[in-house]
């Protein structure tokens, strides 16, 4: 299968402080429009963002060899992996706060198994006045040369009273961070009782955003208070008061379920409520009802209902023209899960969101008719036999250019930005970042997608 390549020239800040140009190629199979599963583990999880967005209370130490520096690009402030991001906002490519220690060990240090520098850095992190928890990120290099960094961390931090844990990254970028939330919430202080009118939100993006302000307004109208807003942001003071909330609302996905499993076991008395990602009016209403339920109230207050209705009326007007257009998806055998199992796609259900706006959906399946029929049947069951959700089989995968060009769909969904395959076919690329959370976000999404479809205007110019 052929590949498309885009070459970028960027400048990175290396560990030695010198600026140097970095060249690289991103290669994508011509018929691949969704990030591969392994890549998705790195880029679309909130754990990595949490480390990089955390306040200075989280002391972040990175220990790696020089060979690893070119692979762990986010540690070296290089924007290689621009396609990798969590659900609500782009993945930050550098630590934005202080209390960050980058330790690039020399080959000699690694071969001799020297521990002095890493011990010194751990001590510095522990002595930092803001430190409340220490996170040591390491690679397989340390283990290969016999450096037991987890033991070293325990020896240095064990008697300090400061919680600490170690994360090992593997060279293929597959980050085993499944216990990140659990470990960071070692900061949570025990409480004799919780307050039912206080609520935590986990995995809902940035607090300082239009959606964050919308949630705060809804909470106030319900007579409730935001207790903690965590992941991908991480405020250590909020984490310490985590157990003061009566309920924690979790933005649902397979990742969130995996992440919160340990937390639920550690705090069995705490209440957790899974909520679908708030994309579109229906999902936002689910969130509003979840907030009301968390506060123990029987019904949604009229003031909250009025806000939802006001935005819904604007959304209806913006989404009106969408019924004139179709959005295309290109699926290879094995990609069906991204449409049929939203939990594996960060909880995002793009077909539901698009159909709610009125768009028709055309799935181009690059496989045989028998497989396409099975996919068609599963989509019918999932979307109540919606006739505006159609599947077309294409036997020859190498004819992707012809498939895109001949399709009646005006927009095509892709994980890659910019996607020149779609642009060259005269279509408009649609990435998940066009879907914005909250009711204000739903209105903006409908308005933007309607304009993109009607004018053929995407971020990269006019293709009509």
Protein backbone atom coordinates (compact mmCIF):
# COMPACT_ATOMS: atom_id res chain seq x y z
CA UNK A 1 0.00 0.00 0.00
CA UNK A 2 1.34 3.41 -0.92
CA UNK A 3 1.95 6.17 1.59
CA UNK A 4 1.63 9.92 1.57
CA UNK A 5 4.35 11.97 3.20
CA UNK A 6 4.44 15.51 4.48
CA UNK A 7 7.81 16.99 5.30
CA UNK A 8 8.18 19.63 7.94
CA UNK A 9 11.20 21.63 9.02
CA UNK A 10 11.00 22.68 12.64
CA UNK A 11 13.23 24.03 15.33
CA UNK A 12 13.51 22.19 18.60
CA UNK A 13 14.99 23.13 21.92
CA UNK A 14 17.37 20.30 22.68
CA UNK A 15 18.34 19.18 26.14
CA UNK A 16 21.67 21.03 25.85
CA UNK A 17 19.82 24.28 25.20
CA UNK A 18 21.00 24.68 21.59
CA UNK A 19 18.60 25.34 18.77
CA UNK A 20 18.82 22.99 15.82
CA UNK A 21 16.58 22.18 12.85
CA UNK A 22 14.73 18.89 12.99
CA UNK A 23 13.46 17.14 9.87
CA UNK A 24 11.02 14.29 9.85
CA UNK A 25 8.45 12.51 7.74
CA UNK A 26 4.93 11.61 8.74
CA UNK A 27 3.86 8.62 6.67
CA UNK A 28 0.24 7.63 6.45
CA UNK A 29 -1.16 4.76 4.42
CA UNK A 30 -3.23 6.15 1.58
CA UNK A 31 -6.43 4.52 2.78
CA UNK A 32 -5.95 5.31 6.50
CA UNK A 33 -8.18 8.10 7.84
CA UNK A 34 -8.19 7.15 11.53
CA UNK A 35 -5.11 7.13 13.74
CA UNK A 36 -3.70 3.61 14.18
CA UNK A 37 -4.57 2.03 17.53
CA UNK A 38 -1.01 2.14 18.90
CA UNK A 39 -0.56 5.80 17.99
CA UNK A 40 -3.93 6.62 19.52
CA UNK A 41 -2.77 5.26 22.88
CA UNK A 42 -0.17 8.01 23.05
CA UNK A 43 -1.88 10.98 21.59
CA UNK A 44 -5.50 10.71 22.48
CA UNK A 45 -5.25 10.04 26.15
CA UNK A 46 -5.54 12.73 28.75
CA UNK A 47 -2.73 11.39 30.94
CA UNK A 48 0.10 12.93 28.93
CA UNK A 49 -1.69 16.27 28.88
CA UNK A 50 -2.16 16.02 32.62
CA UNK A 51 1.58 15.75 33.21
CA UNK A 52 2.33 18.69 30.95
CA UNK A 53 -0.50 20.93 32.19
CA UNK A 54 -0.09 20.25 35.91
CA UNK A 55 0.78 23.08 38.28
CA UNK A 56 4.11 23.30 40.09
CA UNK A 57 2.84 21.04 42.84
CA UNK A 58 3.57 18.15 40.47
CA UNK A 59 7.35 17.85 40.21
CA UNK A 60 8.04 16.22 36.84
CA UNK A 61 11.41 14.51 36.37
CA UNK A 62 12.33 12.98 33.02
CA UNK A 63 15.30 10.59 32.85
CA UNK A 64 16.31 9.30 29.43
CA UNK A 65 19.25 8.54 27.18
CA UNK A 66 20.28 10.65 24.22
CA UNK A 67 18.83 8.14 21.80
CA UNK A 68 15.43 8.57 23.43
CA UNK A 69 15.43 12.36 23.11
CA UNK A 70 14.69 12.12 19.40
CA UNK A 71 11.80 9.74 20.05
CA UNK A 72 10.10 11.41 22.99
CA UNK A 73 9.54 14.58 21.10
CA UNK A 74 7.11 16.09 23.58
CA UNK A 75 9.88 16.04 26.15
CA UNK A 76 12.13 18.01 23.81
CA UNK A 77 9.55 20.64 22.84
CA UNK A 78 9.27 19.44 19.23
CA UNK A 79 5.87 19.48 17.56
CA UNK A 80 6.35 16.22 15.64
CA UNK A 81 3.11 14.52 16.55
CA UNK A 82 0.62 17.17 15.60
CA UNK A 83 -2.10 14.57 14.98
CA UNK A 84 -2.05 13.34 18.56
CA UNK A 85 -4.44 14.99 20.95
CA UNK A 86 -7.12 14.23 23.52
CA UNK A 87 -10.80 14.94 23.07
CA UNK A 88 -11.29 18.60 23.83
CA UNK A 89 -8.07 20.46 23.17
CA UNK A 90 -4.79 19.90 21.42
CA UNK A 91 -2.07 18.09 23.27
CA UNK A 92 0.44 20.54 24.74
CA UNK A 93 3.94 19.89 23.48
CA UNK A 94 5.85 21.17 26.46
CA UNK A 95 5.64 21.59 30.20
CA UNK A 96 4.28 25.09 30.72
CA UNK A 97 5.01 25.36 34.46
CA UNK A 98 8.17 25.18 36.54
CA UNK A 99 9.38 22.32 38.75
CA UNK A 100 10.35 20.36 35.63
CA UNK A 101 13.66 18.48 35.44
CA UNK A 102 15.01 17.06 32.19
CA UNK A 103 17.91 14.68 32.82
CA UNK A 104 19.57 13.35 29.68
CA UNK A 105 22.07 10.75 30.82
CA UNK A 106 25.29 10.30 28.85
CA UNK A 107 26.19 6.92 27.39
CA UNK A 108 29.01 6.63 29.93
CA UNK A 109 26.65 7.27 32.85
CA UNK A 110 24.26 4.65 31.56
CA UNK A 111 26.96 2.05 30.94
CA UNK A 112 28.46 2.56 34.41
CA UNK A 113 25.03 2.69 36.04
CA UNK A 114 25.80 5.97 37.81
CA UNK A 115 23.07 7.19 40.14
CA UNK A 116 24.46 10.45 41.52
CA UNK A 117 22.75 12.85 39.13
CA UNK A 118 19.31 11.27 39.30
CA UNK A 119 19.47 11.16 43.10
CA UNK A 120 20.51 14.81 43.16
CA UNK A 121 17.61 15.81 40.89
CA UNK A 122 15.08 13.90 43.01
CA UNK A 123 16.36 15.70 46.10
CA UNK A 124 16.04 19.07 44.34
CA UNK A 125 12.47 18.27 43.36
CA UNK A 126 11.60 17.25 46.93
CA UNK A 127 13.12 20.45 48.29
CA UNK A 128 11.14 22.67 45.90
CA UNK A 129 8.70 24.69 48.01
CA UNK A 130 5.74 23.95 45.72
CA UNK A 131 6.23 20.16 45.45
CA UNK A 132 3.31 18.05 46.63
CA UNK A 133 3.93 14.95 44.52
CA UNK A 134 6.87 13.69 42.43
CA UNK A 135 6.50 11.95 39.06
CA UNK A 136 9.59 10.28 37.58
CA UNK A 137 9.32 9.46 33.88
CA UNK A 138 11.88 7.00 32.59
CA UNK A 139 12.48 4.80 29.56
CA UNK A 140 13.48 1.23 28.92
CA UNK A 141 17.13 2.38 28.75
CA UNK A 142 17.45 2.56 32.54
CA UNK A 143 16.19 -0.99 32.97
CA UNK A 144 18.45 -2.28 30.20
CA UNK A 145 21.56 -0.99 32.00
CA UNK A 146 20.35 -2.12 35.42
CA UNK A 147 19.33 1.25 36.88
CA UNK A 148 16.41 0.57 39.21
CA UNK A 149 14.96 4.07 39.15
CA UNK A 150 11.79 3.04 40.94
CA UNK A 151 13.89 1.80 43.86
CA UNK A 152 16.02 4.95 43.80
CA UNK A 153 12.88 7.10 43.90
CA UNK A 154 11.56 5.11 46.86
CA UNK A 155 14.87 5.46 48.71
CA UNK A 156 15.01 9.23 48.21
CA UNK A 157 11.33 10.09 48.65
CA UNK A 158 10.22 7.32 50.98
CA UNK A 159 10.86 9.19 54.21
CA UNK A 160 9.95 12.65 52.95
CA UNK A 161 6.20 12.36 53.33
CA UNK A 162 5.82 13.44 49.68
CA UNK A 163 4.04 10.84 47.51
CA UNK A 164 6.03 9.76 44.44
CA UNK A 165 5.65 7.31 41.59
CA UNK A 166 7.52 6.20 38.49
CA UNK A 167 6.31 5.84 34.88
CA UNK A 168 8.22 3.94 32.22
CA UNK A 169 7.78 4.94 28.58
CA UNK A 170 8.60 2.44 25.87
CA UNK A 171 10.50 3.38 22.75
CA UNK A 172 7.53 2.74 20.44
CA UNK A 173 5.65 5.65 22.05
CA UNK A 174 3.08 3.36 23.67
CA UNK A 175 2.60 5.00 27.05
CA UNK A 176 1.43 2.68 29.85
CA UNK A 177 -0.15 5.48 31.85
CA UNK A 178 -3.30 3.64 32.83
CA UNK A 179 -2.78 4.41 36.54
CA UNK A 180 -2.04 8.11 36.10
CA UNK A 181 -5.26 9.46 37.63
CA UNK A 182 -5.06 6.89 40.42
CA UNK A 183 -1.49 7.82 41.32
CA UNK A 184 -1.99 11.57 41.15
CA UNK A 185 -5.02 11.31 43.42
CA UNK A 186 -2.80 10.00 46.19
CA UNK A 187 -3.01 13.68 47.10
CA UNK A 188 -6.70 13.41 48.02
CA UNK A 189 -7.16 14.05 51.72
CA UNK A 190 -9.60 11.86 53.66
CA UNK A 191 -12.88 13.48 54.67
CA UNK A 192 -15.37 12.43 57.30
CA UNK A 193 -18.22 13.49 55.08
CA UNK A 194 -18.74 14.90 51.62
CA UNK A 195 -20.97 17.74 50.46
CA UNK A 196 -23.71 16.71 48.03
CA UNK A 197 -23.76 20.24 46.61
CA UNK A 198 -20.13 20.04 45.53
CA UNK A 199 -19.17 18.19 42.36
CA UNK A 200 -15.98 17.05 40.61
CA UNK A 201 -15.60 16.87 36.83
CA UNK A 202 -13.01 14.52 35.34
CA UNK A 203 -11.86 14.52 31.72
CA UNK A 204 -13.87 17.49 30.42
CA UNK A 205 -11.03 19.53 28.91
CA UNK A 206 -9.98 22.99 30.04
CA UNK A 207 -11.72 24.86 32.84
CA UNK A 208 -10.77 28.25 31.39
CA UNK A 209 -12.89 27.81 28.27
CA UNK A 210 -16.36 28.66 26.96
CA UNK A 211 -17.54 25.21 28.00
CA UNK A 212 -15.94 25.49 31.45
CA UNK A 213 -17.71 28.78 32.06
CA UNK A 214 -20.99 27.27 30.84
CA UNK A 215 -20.71 24.41 33.34
CA UNK A 216 -19.93 26.83 36.16
CA UNK A 217 -23.04 28.86 35.30
CA UNK A 218 -25.23 25.74 35.30
CA UNK A 219 -23.81 24.67 38.66
CA UNK A 220 -24.60 28.06 40.20
CA UNK A 221 -28.16 28.01 38.87
CA UNK A 222 -28.55 24.58 40.47
CA UNK A 223 -27.23 25.91 43.77
CA UNK A 224 -24.09 23.80 43.49
CA UNK A 225 -20.34 24.42 43.58
CA UNK A 226 -17.50 23.14 41.42
CA UNK A 227 -15.19 21.28 43.78
CA UNK A 228 -12.51 20.04 41.37
CA UNK A 229 -11.99 20.15 37.61
CA UNK A 230 -9.27 17.67 36.76
CA UNK A 231 -7.74 16.08 33.66
CA UNK A 232 -6.17 17.17 31.49
CA UNK A 233 -5.64 20.14 33.79
CA UNK A 234 -4.31 19.23 37.20
CA UNK A 235 -4.49 21.62 40.13
CA UNK A 236 -2.96 20.00 43.21
CA UNK A 237 -5.12 22.03 45.62
CA UNK A 238 -8.23 20.73 43.87
CA UNK A 239 -6.84 17.19 43.98
CA UNK A 240 -6.28 17.48 47.73
CA UNK A 241 -9.93 18.43 48.21
CA UNK A 242 -11.23 15.80 45.79
CA UNK A 243 -13.17 13.84 48.43
CA UNK A 244 -15.11 16.90 49.57
CA UNK A 245 -17.46 16.45 46.59
CA UNK A 246 -20.58 14.36 46.86
CA UNK A 247 -20.30 13.15 43.24
CA UNK A 248 -17.67 13.00 40.52
CA UNK A 249 -18.90 13.30 36.93
CA UNK A 250 -16.65 11.37 34.52
CA UNK A 251 -16.57 12.12 30.79
CA UNK A 252 -17.11 8.57 29.59
CA UNK A 253 -14.82 6.57 27.32
CA UNK A 254 -13.02 3.24 27.57
CA UNK A 255 -9.95 5.12 28.78
CA UNK A 256 -11.88 6.96 31.50
CA UNK A 257 -13.46 3.71 32.66
CA UNK A 258 -10.04 2.11 32.89
CA UNK A 259 -8.54 5.14 34.64
CA UNK A 260 -11.27 5.52 37.25
CA UNK A 261 -11.54 1.83 38.12
CA UNK A 262 -8.70 2.05 40.63
CA UNK A 263 -9.98 5.35 42.04
CA UNK A 264 -13.40 3.84 42.66
CA UNK A 265 -11.77 0.94 44.49
CA UNK A 266 -9.60 3.24 46.59
CA UNK A 267 -12.53 5.49 47.55
CA UNK A 268 -15.51 3.10 47.79
CA UNK A 269 -17.66 5.69 49.57
CA UNK A 270 -17.25 8.23 46.76
CA UNK A 271 -19.93 8.47 44.08
CA UNK A 272 -19.06 8.46 40.37
CA UNK A 273 -21.41 9.14 37.49
CA UNK A 274 -20.43 8.51 33.85
CA UNK A 275 -21.62 11.16 31.39
CA UNK A 276 -21.35 11.06 27.57
CA UNK A 277 -19.01 13.70 26.10
CA UNK A 278 -21.16 16.87 25.82
CA UNK A 279 -21.19 17.27 22.03
CA UNK A 280 -24.57 18.33 20.66
CA UNK A 281 -27.79 19.47 22.39
CA UNK A 282 -28.91 15.99 23.44
CA UNK A 283 -25.60 15.14 25.12
CA UNK A 284 -25.54 18.56 26.82
CA UNK A 285 -28.99 17.90 28.24
CA UNK A 286 -27.67 14.60 29.64
CA UNK A 287 -24.89 16.56 31.36
CA UNK A 288 -27.33 19.09 32.83
CA UNK A 289 -29.48 16.27 34.16
CA UNK A 290 -26.42 14.55 35.61
CA UNK A 291 -25.50 17.74 37.47
CA UNK A 292 -29.02 17.97 38.86
CA UNK A 293 -28.92 14.30 39.87
CA UNK A 294 -25.57 14.78 41.59
CA UNK A 295 -27.12 17.53 43.71
CA UNK A 296 -30.02 15.32 44.72
CA UNK A 297 -32.61 17.49 43.00
CA UNK A 298 -35.72 16.07 41.34
CA UNK A 299 -35.87 18.15 38.18
CA UNK A 300 -33.88 20.54 36.03
CA UNK A 301 -34.46 24.13 37.27
CA UNK A 302 -36.42 26.36 34.89
CA UNK A 303 -33.48 28.78 34.69
CA UNK A 304 -31.25 25.98 33.38
CA UNK A 305 -33.95 24.80 31.00
CA UNK A 306 -34.26 28.33 29.58
CA UNK A 307 -30.53 28.47 28.86
CA UNK A 308 -30.67 25.15 27.05
CA UNK A 309 -33.76 26.20 25.02
CA UNK A 310 -32.22 29.54 24.07
CA UNK A 311 -29.11 27.88 22.68
CA UNK A 312 -31.17 25.08 21.12
CA UNK A 313 -33.21 27.56 19.09
CA UNK A 314 -30.03 29.17 17.78
CA UNK A 315 -28.59 25.72 17.06
CA UNK A 316 -31.70 24.73 15.08
CA UNK A 317 -31.34 27.78 12.88
CA UNK A 318 -27.62 27.18 12.30
CA UNK A 319 -28.10 23.47 11.60
CA UNK A 320 -31.00 23.97 9.18
CA UNK A 321 -28.94 23.93 5.94
CA UNK A 322 -26.98 20.82 7.03
CA UNK A 323 -29.74 18.55 5.70
CA UNK A 324 -28.61 19.48 2.18
CA UNK A 325 -25.20 17.88 2.57
CA UNK A 326 -23.51 14.57 3.29
CA UNK A 327 -20.41 13.79 5.33
CA UNK A 328 -18.23 10.92 4.19
CA UNK A 329 -16.20 8.39 6.18
CA UNK A 330 -13.58 6.07 4.72
CA UNK A 331 -13.22 2.81 6.64
CA UNK A 332 -10.82 -0.04 6.12
CA UNK A 333 -11.66 -3.50 7.47
CA UNK A 334 -10.84 -3.19 11.16
CA UNK A 335 -11.76 0.50 11.40
CA UNK A 336 -15.44 -0.22 12.08
CA UNK A 337 -14.86 0.10 15.82
CA UNK A 338 -14.38 3.86 15.54
CA UNK A 339 -17.99 4.28 14.44
CA UNK A 340 -19.59 1.36 16.29
CA UNK A 341 -17.79 1.61 19.64
CA UNK A 342 -17.54 5.29 20.64
CA UNK A 343 -15.84 4.34 23.90
CA UNK A 344 -12.76 3.35 21.91
CA UNK A 345 -12.84 6.70 20.13
CA UNK A 346 -12.66 8.81 23.31
CA UNK A 347 -16.44 8.51 23.74
CA UNK A 348 -16.95 10.56 20.59
CA UNK A 349 -19.85 9.43 18.39
CA UNK A 350 -19.41 11.44 15.16
CA UNK A 351 -22.34 9.87 13.31
CA UNK A 352 -24.77 10.72 16.11
CA UNK A 353 -23.50 14.31 16.26
CA UNK A 354 -23.73 14.76 12.48
CA UNK A 355 -27.17 13.20 12.18
CA UNK A 356 -28.42 15.37 15.03
CA UNK A 357 -27.43 18.37 12.89
CA UNK A 358 -29.19 16.89 9.88
CA UNK A 359 -26.22 15.80 7.76
CA UNK A 360 -26.51 12.62 5.74
CA UNK A 361 -23.72 10.12 6.41
CA UNK A 362 -22.04 8.08 3.68
CA UNK A 363 -19.59 5.38 4.77
CA UNK A 364 -17.18 4.25 2.05
CA UNK A 365 -16.06 0.78 3.13
CA UNK A 366 -12.85 -0.43 1.49
CA UNK A 367 -13.74 -4.10 1.61
CA UNK A 368 -15.99 -6.73 0.13
CA UNK A 369 -19.77 -6.54 -0.12
CA UNK A 370 -20.23 -9.25 2.51
CA UNK A 371 -18.25 -7.27 5.10
CA UNK A 372 -20.01 -4.08 4.05
CA UNK A 373 -23.39 -5.72 4.57
CA UNK A 374 -22.38 -6.76 8.09
CA UNK A 375 -21.30 -3.18 8.82
CA UNK A 376 -24.54 -1.85 7.33
CA UNK A 377 -26.58 -4.11 9.60
CA UNK A 378 -24.68 -3.05 12.73
CA UNK A 379 -25.08 0.63 11.86
CA UNK A 380 -28.81 0.10 11.31
CA UNK A 381 -29.16 -1.42 14.76
CA UNK A 382 -27.10 1.34 16.37
CA UNK A 383 -28.86 4.24 14.66
CA UNK A 384 -32.43 2.89 14.57
CA UNK A 385 -32.44 2.02 10.86
CA UNK A 386 -31.72 5.62 9.91
CA UNK A 387 -31.89 5.74 6.10
CA UNK A 388 -29.62 8.76 6.01
CA UNK A 389 -26.73 6.55 7.22
CA UNK A 390 -25.55 4.63 4.16
CA UNK A 391 -22.71 2.20 3.43
CA UNK A 392 -21.05 1.74 0.03
CA UNK A 393 -18.55 -1.08 -0.60
CA UNK A 394 -15.37 -0.55 -2.61
CA UNK A 395 -13.36 -3.66 -3.37
CA UNK A 396 -10.08 -2.04 -4.46
CA UNK A 397 -8.42 -0.11 -1.65
CA UNK A 398 -5.80 1.48 -3.90
CA UNK A 399 -8.46 3.55 -5.70
CA UNK A 400 -8.96 5.90 -2.76
CA UNK A 401 -8.45 9.05 -4.87
CA UNK A 402 -11.28 8.02 -7.18
CA UNK A 403 -13.51 7.11 -4.23
CA UNK A 404 -13.07 10.54 -2.67
CA UNK A 405 -13.55 12.44 -5.91
CA UNK A 406 -16.66 10.55 -7.04
CA UNK A 407 -18.39 10.61 -3.65
CA UNK A 408 -21.45 12.87 -3.27
CA UNK A 409 -20.22 13.73 0.24
CA UNK A 410 -18.98 17.31 0.56
CA UNK A 411 -17.06 16.86 3.82
CA UNK A 412 -14.86 13.90 4.78
CA UNK A 413 -13.93 12.92 8.30
CA UNK A 414 -10.23 12.46 9.06
CA UNK A 415 -7.84 12.28 12.00
CA UNK A 416 -5.10 13.97 9.98
CA UNK A 417 -4.67 17.70 9.58
CA UNK A 418 -4.26 18.92 6.92
CA UNK A 419 -5.42 15.95 4.84
CA UNK A 420 -4.27 16.62 1.30
CA UNK A 421 -5.99 13.51 -0.06
CA UNK A 422 -9.35 15.08 0.73
CA UNK A 423 -8.34 18.55 -0.43
CA UNK A 424 -7.03 17.29 -3.78
CA UNK A 425 -10.36 15.55 -4.37
CA UNK A 426 -12.12 18.91 -4.03
CA UNK A 427 -13.67 18.01 -0.66
CA UNK A 428 -13.42 19.60 2.77
CA UNK A 429 -11.62 17.78 5.62
CA UNK A 430 -13.57 17.47 8.86
CA UNK A 431 -11.58 16.73 12.01
CA UNK A 432 -12.94 16.05 15.47
CA UNK A 433 -11.86 19.53 16.57
CA UNK A 434 -14.75 20.99 14.64
CA UNK A 435 -16.97 19.40 17.31
CA UNK A 436 -17.03 21.75 20.28
CA UNK A 437 -18.50 20.86 23.70
CA UNK A 438 -21.42 22.52 25.44
CA UNK A 439 -24.49 24.27 24.05
CA UNK A 440 -22.50 27.28 22.87
CA UNK A 441 -20.10 24.81 21.27
CA UNK A 442 -22.97 22.91 19.62
CA UNK A 443 -24.22 26.13 18.04
CA UNK A 444 -20.73 27.07 16.85
CA UNK A 445 -20.20 23.55 15.46
CA UNK A 446 -23.45 23.61 13.48
CA UNK A 447 -22.74 27.09 12.13
CA UNK A 448 -19.17 26.22 11.14
CA UNK A 449 -19.97 22.89 9.47
CA UNK A 450 -22.93 24.38 7.63
CA UNK A 451 -20.73 27.14 6.22
CA UNK A 452 -17.95 24.70 5.33
CA UNK A 453 -20.36 22.46 3.43
CA UNK A 454 -22.20 25.24 1.62
CA UNK A 455 -19.12 27.20 0.56
CA UNK A 456 -16.54 24.43 0.34
CA UNK A 457 -14.37 26.44 2.69
CA UNK A 458 -12.09 24.67 5.09
CA UNK A 459 -9.19 25.89 7.11
CA UNK A 460 -6.86 25.68 4.12
CA UNK A 461 -8.81 27.59 1.49
CA UNK A 462 -11.78 27.29 -0.83
CA UNK A 463 -12.45 24.03 -2.65
CA UNK A 464 -15.85 24.35 -4.28
